[in-house]
Protein backbone atom coordinates (compact mmCIF):
# COMPACT_ATOMS: atom_id res chain seq x y z
CA MET A 1 -37.53 142.75 -67.11
CA ALA A 2 -39.07 146.19 -66.98
CA THR A 3 -39.92 148.28 -69.99
CA THR A 4 -40.01 152.06 -69.62
CA GLN A 5 -41.41 154.45 -72.23
CA PRO A 6 -40.95 158.16 -71.46
CA SER A 7 -43.61 160.24 -73.20
CA LEU A 8 -41.57 163.43 -73.23
CA ALA A 9 -38.44 164.23 -75.21
CA ILE A 10 -35.14 164.42 -73.30
CA ALA A 11 -33.38 167.77 -73.65
CA ASP A 12 -30.27 169.20 -71.98
CA GLY A 13 -30.72 172.91 -72.70
CA GLY A 14 -27.45 172.97 -74.62
CA THR A 15 -25.26 171.85 -71.71
CA SER A 16 -24.25 168.55 -73.35
CA GLY A 17 -26.04 166.05 -71.11
CA THR A 18 -25.41 162.34 -71.55
CA LEU A 19 -27.97 159.52 -71.43
CA ASN A 20 -26.72 156.43 -69.59
CA LYS A 21 -28.88 153.29 -69.91
CA ALA A 22 -28.18 150.71 -67.18
CA GLY A 23 -30.08 147.66 -65.99
CA LEU A 24 -31.40 144.66 -67.88
CA GLY A 25 -34.78 146.12 -68.87
CA THR A 26 -35.77 148.03 -72.00
CA LEU A 27 -35.94 151.82 -72.20
CA THR A 28 -37.99 152.92 -75.21
CA LEU A 29 -37.68 156.51 -76.40
CA THR A 30 -40.67 157.74 -78.39
CA GLY A 31 -39.88 161.46 -78.68
CA ALA A 32 -37.44 163.51 -80.75
CA ASN A 33 -34.71 163.84 -78.12
CA THR A 34 -32.41 166.84 -78.37
CA TYR A 35 -29.78 166.25 -75.68
CA THR A 36 -26.38 166.83 -77.25
CA GLY A 37 -24.14 164.54 -75.23
CA GLY A 38 -23.46 160.89 -75.87
CA THR A 39 -25.74 157.90 -75.43
CA ASN A 40 -24.23 155.03 -73.43
CA ILE A 41 -26.02 151.69 -73.32
CA HIS A 42 -24.36 149.72 -70.54
CA ALA A 43 -26.93 146.92 -70.17
CA GLY A 44 -30.34 145.89 -71.45
CA THR A 45 -31.90 147.56 -74.48
CA LEU A 46 -32.34 151.15 -75.56
CA ALA A 47 -35.07 151.17 -78.20
CA LEU A 48 -36.42 153.91 -80.45
CA SER A 49 -40.10 153.72 -81.37
CA GLY A 50 -42.43 155.87 -83.45
CA LEU A 51 -40.90 159.35 -83.72
CA GLY A 52 -38.13 158.43 -81.27
CA ALA A 53 -34.80 159.92 -82.35
CA LEU A 54 -31.42 160.88 -80.94
CA ASP A 55 -29.32 163.92 -81.71
CA GLY A 56 -27.71 163.06 -85.05
CA THR A 57 -24.25 164.27 -84.10
CA SER A 58 -23.54 162.42 -80.86
CA THR A 59 -21.88 159.08 -80.28
CA VAL A 60 -23.85 155.98 -79.30
CA THR A 61 -21.82 153.50 -77.24
CA VAL A 62 -23.22 149.97 -76.97
CA ASP A 63 -21.44 147.86 -74.38
CA ASN A 64 -21.05 144.09 -74.59
CA LEU A 65 -24.40 142.30 -74.00
CA ALA A 66 -26.34 145.57 -74.47
CA THR A 67 -28.61 146.37 -77.44
CA PHE A 68 -29.51 149.47 -79.46
CA ASP A 69 -32.83 148.70 -81.21
CA ILE A 70 -34.14 151.04 -83.93
CA SER A 71 -36.43 148.49 -85.58
CA ALA A 72 -39.67 150.20 -84.45
CA GLY A 73 -38.47 153.77 -85.02
CA LEU A 74 -38.20 156.08 -87.99
CA ALA A 75 -37.15 154.64 -91.34
CA THR A 76 -33.76 156.36 -90.92
CA THR A 77 -32.03 156.94 -87.59
CA MET A 78 -29.01 159.23 -87.58
CA VAL A 79 -26.24 159.07 -85.01
CA GLY A 80 -22.87 160.77 -84.97
CA ALA A 81 -20.88 157.59 -84.43
CA LEU A 82 -21.34 154.05 -83.16
CA VAL A 83 -18.80 152.42 -80.84
CA GLY A 84 -18.68 149.43 -78.54
CA SER A 85 -19.15 145.68 -78.72
CA GLY A 86 -22.88 145.11 -78.17
CA SER A 87 -25.72 144.59 -80.64
CA VAL A 88 -27.68 146.84 -82.97
CA HIS A 89 -31.04 145.71 -84.30
CA LEU A 90 -32.10 147.59 -87.45
CA GLY A 91 -35.14 145.60 -88.57
CA LEU A 92 -36.13 147.20 -91.88
CA ASN A 93 -34.70 150.58 -90.90
CA THR A 94 -31.50 152.40 -91.83
CA LEU A 95 -28.78 153.60 -89.46
CA GLN A 96 -27.04 156.69 -90.84
CA PHE A 97 -23.84 158.19 -89.50
CA GLY A 98 -23.55 161.96 -89.62
CA ASN A 99 -20.45 162.73 -87.56
CA THR A 100 -17.85 164.70 -89.47
CA ASP A 101 -15.09 163.85 -86.99
CA PRO A 102 -12.35 162.13 -89.04
CA THR A 103 -11.22 160.04 -86.05
CA PRO A 104 -11.91 156.36 -86.83
CA GLN A 105 -14.49 154.77 -84.54
CA THR A 106 -14.61 151.07 -83.67
CA PHE A 107 -17.74 148.97 -83.29
CA SER A 108 -16.97 145.28 -82.87
CA GLY A 109 -20.46 144.07 -82.03
CA VAL A 110 -23.26 142.57 -84.10
CA ILE A 111 -25.49 144.55 -86.47
CA GLY A 112 -28.65 142.66 -87.40
CA TRP A 113 -30.59 143.98 -90.36
CA ARG A 114 -33.02 143.21 -93.11
CA ARG A 115 -32.03 146.20 -95.18
CA TRP A 116 -28.78 148.20 -95.08
CA TYR A 117 -27.08 151.08 -93.36
CA HIS A 118 -25.87 154.32 -94.89
CA TYR A 119 -22.38 155.55 -94.23
CA GLU A 120 -21.58 159.16 -95.13
CA TRP A 121 -18.81 159.73 -97.66
CA ASN A 122 -16.63 161.58 -95.15
CA ARG A 123 -16.27 158.58 -92.83
CA ARG A 124 -14.49 155.29 -93.24
CA CYS A 125 -16.26 152.03 -92.60
CA HIS A 126 -14.63 148.66 -92.16
CA LEU A 127 -16.82 145.57 -92.15
CA ARG A 128 -15.44 142.15 -91.40
CA TRP A 129 -17.44 139.03 -92.21
């Protein structure tokens, strides 16, 4: 499996570009990305490392058998919403949701952590064990 690490941040110039991760390899983002569209992880792993960050207002979709890995990134990673049925690996980091959209979002996958996640007061969270 290939691992790719872009050294530049991804930006869309305000035109709401979307990042689509496909293929079984790992794509590691190490810059503070400012694209404002969604992030779709269809296969493999999208990882954040070092100063790697996504726009804190957009939705991250993690498809079945795909992984969103923030374990090597900043202590807190903010996303607008999380949907899908894949896996999220937190490590010792925190996943914070900042979307103010009152529409309920559904994530039915696995969240692996060694710490916790932070859910803003204006959103509802349902966990099933």
